[in-house]
Amino acid sequence: MNEESTSKTEKPALKVGDVVILNSGGPNMTISHIFDYAVPNAVCRWIADGKEQRAEFPLPCLTKATWGTPVLSLSVPIGPSIQSHQAPL
């Protein structure tokens, strides 16, 4: 068995179009560009408070998101029409 392959687990390679999350948490983001610097960086886009956001992060700080990945916060307001249809307690 190769000692190097068992000593560390590598994350799957990320590519443009992947949905990712910061290792520390936060919203799901889509990779729109990858720059091949000494430490590769990804430009990520996401929606917050109804506005498109964009930022650049080092690839090692990102993890591919999966269904069920917890989101740090949601920016979805609950309007009166939704509240009025809630079942009584």
N, C-alpha and C. Protein backbone atom coordinates (compact mmCIF):
# COMPACT_ATOMS: atom_id res chain seq x y z
N MET A 1 0.83 -1.17 0.00
CA MET A 1 0.00 0.00 0.00
C MET A 1 0.88 1.24 0.00
N ASN A 2 0.49 2.25 -0.74
CA ASN A 2 1.26 3.48 -0.82
C ASN A 2 0.99 4.32 0.43
N GLU A 3 2.04 4.57 1.20
CA GLU A 3 1.90 5.30 2.46
C GLU A 3 1.39 6.72 2.24
N GLU A 4 1.82 7.36 1.14
CA GLU A 4 1.41 8.73 0.87
C GLU A 4 -0.09 8.81 0.59
N SER A 5 -0.66 7.86 -0.16
CA SER A 5 -2.08 7.92 -0.51
C SER A 5 -2.98 7.66 0.68
N THR A 6 -2.50 6.94 1.68
CA THR A 6 -3.32 6.67 2.85
C THR A 6 -3.16 7.73 3.93
N SER A 7 -2.12 8.55 3.86
CA SER A 7 -1.87 9.52 4.90
C SER A 7 -2.70 10.80 4.75
N LYS A 8 -3.16 11.08 3.53
CA LYS A 8 -3.97 12.28 3.35
C LYS A 8 -5.06 12.01 2.33
N THR A 9 -6.19 12.65 2.55
CA THR A 9 -7.32 12.51 1.65
C THR A 9 -7.46 13.81 0.88
N GLU A 10 -7.44 13.70 -0.46
CA GLU A 10 -7.56 14.89 -1.28
C GLU A 10 -9.02 15.13 -1.64
N LYS A 11 -9.39 16.42 -1.70
CA LYS A 11 -10.74 16.78 -2.10
C LYS A 11 -10.86 16.59 -3.61
N PRO A 12 -12.06 16.32 -4.10
CA PRO A 12 -12.24 16.22 -5.55
C PRO A 12 -11.91 17.56 -6.22
N ALA A 13 -11.41 17.49 -7.44
CA ALA A 13 -11.06 18.71 -8.18
C ALA A 13 -12.32 19.53 -8.43
N LEU A 14 -12.20 20.84 -8.29
CA LEU A 14 -13.33 21.74 -8.53
C LEU A 14 -13.19 22.32 -9.93
N LYS A 15 -14.33 22.62 -10.55
CA LYS A 15 -14.32 23.17 -11.90
C LYS A 15 -15.41 24.23 -12.05
N VAL A 16 -15.33 25.01 -13.11
CA VAL A 16 -16.33 26.04 -13.39
C VAL A 16 -17.70 25.37 -13.47
N GLY A 17 -18.67 25.98 -12.80
CA GLY A 17 -20.03 25.45 -12.78
C GLY A 17 -20.35 24.65 -11.53
N ASP A 18 -19.32 24.24 -10.78
CA ASP A 18 -19.56 23.50 -9.53
C ASP A 18 -20.19 24.42 -8.49
N VAL A 19 -21.07 23.84 -7.68
CA VAL A 19 -21.65 24.56 -6.55
C VAL A 19 -20.79 24.22 -5.34
N VAL A 20 -20.30 25.25 -4.66
CA VAL A 20 -19.36 25.06 -3.56
C VAL A 20 -19.83 25.83 -2.33
N ILE A 21 -19.18 25.55 -1.23
CA ILE A 21 -19.42 26.26 0.02
C ILE A 21 -18.04 26.49 0.65
N LEU A 22 -17.91 27.58 1.39
CA LEU A 22 -16.66 27.81 2.12
C LEU A 22 -16.49 26.73 3.18
N ASN A 23 -15.27 26.32 3.43
CA ASN A 23 -15.01 25.32 4.47
C ASN A 23 -15.56 25.78 5.82
N SER A 24 -15.61 27.08 6.05
CA SER A 24 -16.10 27.63 7.31
C SER A 24 -17.61 27.82 7.33
N GLY A 25 -18.28 27.54 6.21
CA GLY A 25 -19.74 27.68 6.13
C GLY A 25 -20.12 28.87 5.26
N GLY A 26 -21.41 29.07 5.11
CA GLY A 26 -21.90 30.19 4.30
C GLY A 26 -22.85 29.70 3.23
N PRO A 27 -23.19 30.59 2.30
CA PRO A 27 -24.16 30.23 1.26
C PRO A 27 -23.54 29.33 0.19
N ASN A 28 -24.40 28.61 -0.52
CA ASN A 28 -23.94 27.87 -1.69
C ASN A 28 -23.58 28.89 -2.76
N MET A 29 -22.45 28.66 -3.45
CA MET A 29 -21.95 29.57 -4.48
C MET A 29 -21.60 28.75 -5.72
N THR A 30 -21.65 29.40 -6.87
CA THR A 30 -21.28 28.75 -8.13
C THR A 30 -19.95 29.30 -8.60
N ILE A 31 -19.03 28.42 -8.98
CA ILE A 31 -17.73 28.84 -9.52
C ILE A 31 -17.93 29.34 -10.94
N SER A 32 -17.51 30.59 -11.21
CA SER A 32 -17.63 31.14 -12.56
C SER A 32 -16.30 31.23 -13.30
N HIS A 33 -15.20 31.30 -12.57
CA HIS A 33 -13.85 31.35 -13.17
C HIS A 33 -12.87 30.69 -12.20
N ILE A 34 -11.82 30.12 -12.76
CA ILE A 34 -10.72 29.60 -11.94
C ILE A 34 -9.43 30.18 -12.50
N PHE A 35 -8.63 30.74 -11.61
CA PHE A 35 -7.34 31.31 -11.99
C PHE A 35 -6.23 30.43 -11.46
N ASP A 36 -5.27 30.13 -12.32
CA ASP A 36 -4.19 29.21 -11.97
C ASP A 36 -3.00 29.99 -11.42
N TYR A 37 -3.18 30.54 -10.21
CA TYR A 37 -2.08 31.20 -9.51
C TYR A 37 -1.25 30.14 -8.80
N ALA A 38 -0.24 30.56 -8.03
CA ALA A 38 0.55 29.61 -7.23
C ALA A 38 -0.40 28.79 -6.34
N VAL A 39 -1.38 29.47 -5.75
CA VAL A 39 -2.50 28.79 -5.08
C VAL A 39 -3.72 29.14 -5.93
N PRO A 40 -4.29 28.17 -6.65
CA PRO A 40 -5.42 28.47 -7.54
C PRO A 40 -6.58 29.12 -6.80
N ASN A 41 -7.20 30.12 -7.44
CA ASN A 41 -8.34 30.83 -6.89
C ASN A 41 -9.56 30.63 -7.78
N ALA A 42 -10.74 30.72 -7.15
CA ALA A 42 -11.99 30.62 -7.89
C ALA A 42 -12.81 31.87 -7.65
N VAL A 43 -13.40 32.41 -8.72
CA VAL A 43 -14.38 33.47 -8.59
C VAL A 43 -15.72 32.79 -8.40
N CYS A 44 -16.40 33.12 -7.32
CA CYS A 44 -17.69 32.51 -6.99
C CYS A 44 -18.78 33.56 -7.01
N ARG A 45 -19.99 33.12 -7.40
CA ARG A 45 -21.15 34.01 -7.43
C ARG A 45 -22.28 33.36 -6.65
N TRP A 46 -23.07 34.22 -6.00
CA TRP A 46 -24.24 33.76 -5.25
C TRP A 46 -25.20 34.93 -5.10
N ILE A 47 -26.42 34.65 -4.67
CA ILE A 47 -27.43 35.67 -4.46
C ILE A 47 -27.62 35.86 -2.96
N ALA A 48 -27.59 37.11 -2.51
CA ALA A 48 -27.86 37.45 -1.11
C ALA A 48 -28.69 38.72 -1.09
N ASP A 49 -29.76 38.71 -0.33
CA ASP A 49 -30.66 39.86 -0.24
C ASP A 49 -31.13 40.32 -1.61
N GLY A 50 -31.35 39.37 -2.52
CA GLY A 50 -31.86 39.68 -3.85
C GLY A 50 -30.84 40.27 -4.80
N LYS A 51 -29.58 40.33 -4.41
CA LYS A 51 -28.53 40.90 -5.26
C LYS A 51 -27.44 39.86 -5.52
N GLU A 52 -26.91 39.90 -6.75
CA GLU A 52 -25.81 39.00 -7.08
C GLU A 52 -24.54 39.47 -6.36
N GLN A 53 -23.87 38.53 -5.73
CA GLN A 53 -22.61 38.80 -5.05
C GLN A 53 -21.50 38.05 -5.79
N ARG A 54 -20.28 38.54 -5.67
CA ARG A 54 -19.14 37.90 -6.33
C ARG A 54 -17.90 38.13 -5.49
N ALA A 55 -17.10 37.07 -5.34
CA ALA A 55 -15.84 37.18 -4.60
C ALA A 55 -14.89 36.09 -5.08
N GLU A 56 -13.61 36.30 -4.80
CA GLU A 56 -12.57 35.34 -5.19
C GLU A 56 -12.03 34.67 -3.94
N PHE A 57 -11.92 33.33 -3.99
CA PHE A 57 -11.44 32.56 -2.85
C PHE A 57 -10.37 31.57 -3.30
N PRO A 58 -9.38 31.27 -2.46
CA PRO A 58 -8.43 30.20 -2.78
C PRO A 58 -9.18 28.86 -2.83
N LEU A 59 -8.87 28.04 -3.81
CA LEU A 59 -9.55 26.74 -3.94
C LEU A 59 -9.48 25.89 -2.67
N PRO A 60 -8.36 25.89 -1.92
CA PRO A 60 -8.34 25.06 -0.71
C PRO A 60 -9.38 25.47 0.34
N CYS A 61 -9.94 26.69 0.21
CA CYS A 61 -10.96 27.16 1.16
C CYS A 61 -12.37 26.73 0.79
N LEU A 62 -12.51 26.02 -0.35
CA LEU A 62 -13.83 25.65 -0.86
C LEU A 62 -14.04 24.14 -0.85
N THR A 63 -15.29 23.74 -0.63
CA THR A 63 -15.68 22.34 -0.68
C THR A 63 -16.90 22.23 -1.57
N LYS A 64 -16.95 21.18 -2.38
CA LYS A 64 -18.11 20.98 -3.24
C LYS A 64 -19.35 20.77 -2.38
N ALA A 65 -20.40 21.53 -2.66
CA ALA A 65 -21.64 21.44 -1.90
C ALA A 65 -22.43 20.21 -2.35
N THR A 66 -23.16 19.65 -1.42
CA THR A 66 -24.04 18.53 -1.73
C THR A 66 -25.43 18.89 -1.25
N TRP A 67 -26.44 18.19 -1.75
CA TRP A 67 -27.80 18.42 -1.27
C TRP A 67 -27.79 18.16 0.21
N GLY A 68 -28.35 19.05 0.97
CA GLY A 68 -28.36 18.90 2.41
C GLY A 68 -27.21 19.62 3.09
N THR A 69 -26.31 20.26 2.30
CA THR A 69 -25.23 21.04 2.91
C THR A 69 -25.88 22.20 3.66
N PRO A 70 -25.60 22.34 4.95
CA PRO A 70 -26.25 23.42 5.70
C PRO A 70 -25.82 24.79 5.19
N VAL A 71 -26.76 25.70 5.14
CA VAL A 71 -26.50 27.07 4.72
C VAL A 71 -26.47 27.92 5.97
N LEU A 72 -25.48 28.79 6.07
CA LEU A 72 -25.31 29.61 7.26
C LEU A 72 -26.52 30.50 7.50
N SER A 73 -27.01 31.15 6.45
CA SER A 73 -28.18 32.01 6.61
C SER A 73 -28.94 32.06 5.30
N LEU A 74 -30.23 32.22 5.39
CA LEU A 74 -31.07 32.37 4.22
C LEU A 74 -31.57 33.80 4.15
N SER A 75 -31.63 34.34 2.96
CA SER A 75 -32.11 35.70 2.78
C SER A 75 -33.47 35.68 2.12
N VAL A 76 -34.35 34.81 2.57
CA VAL A 76 -35.68 34.69 1.98
C VAL A 76 -36.70 35.21 2.98
N PRO A 77 -37.31 36.36 2.68
CA PRO A 77 -38.32 36.88 3.61
C PRO A 77 -39.59 36.04 3.56
N ILE A 78 -40.25 35.91 4.68
CA ILE A 78 -41.53 35.23 4.74
C ILE A 78 -42.61 36.30 4.76
N GLY A 79 -43.38 36.34 3.68
CA GLY A 79 -44.40 37.37 3.55
C GLY A 79 -45.69 36.98 4.26
N PRO A 80 -46.62 37.93 4.39
CA PRO A 80 -47.88 37.68 5.09
C PRO A 80 -48.69 36.55 4.46
N SER A 81 -48.62 36.41 3.12
CA SER A 81 -49.42 35.36 2.47
C SER A 81 -48.94 33.97 2.89
N ILE A 82 -47.66 33.81 3.10
CA ILE A 82 -47.14 32.52 3.53
C ILE A 82 -47.50 32.29 5.00
N GLN A 83 -47.36 33.32 5.81
CA GLN A 83 -47.67 33.20 7.23
C GLN A 83 -49.14 32.89 7.47
N SER A 84 -50.03 33.45 6.63
CA SER A 84 -51.47 33.24 6.85
C SER A 84 -51.89 31.81 6.55
N HIS A 85 -51.09 31.06 5.82
CA HIS A 85 -51.44 29.68 5.48
C HIS A 85 -50.82 28.67 6.43
N GLN A 86 -50.17 29.12 7.47
CA GLN A 86 -49.56 28.20 8.41
C GLN A 86 -50.66 27.55 9.26
N ALA A 87 -50.46 26.28 9.58
CA ALA A 87 -51.42 25.56 10.41
C ALA A 87 -51.43 26.13 11.81
N PRO A 88 -52.61 26.18 12.45
CA PRO A 88 -52.64 26.67 13.83
C PRO A 88 -51.95 25.73 14.77
N LEU A 89 -51.40 26.27 15.84
CA LEU A 89 -50.70 25.45 16.83
C LEU A 89 -51.65 24.82 17.80
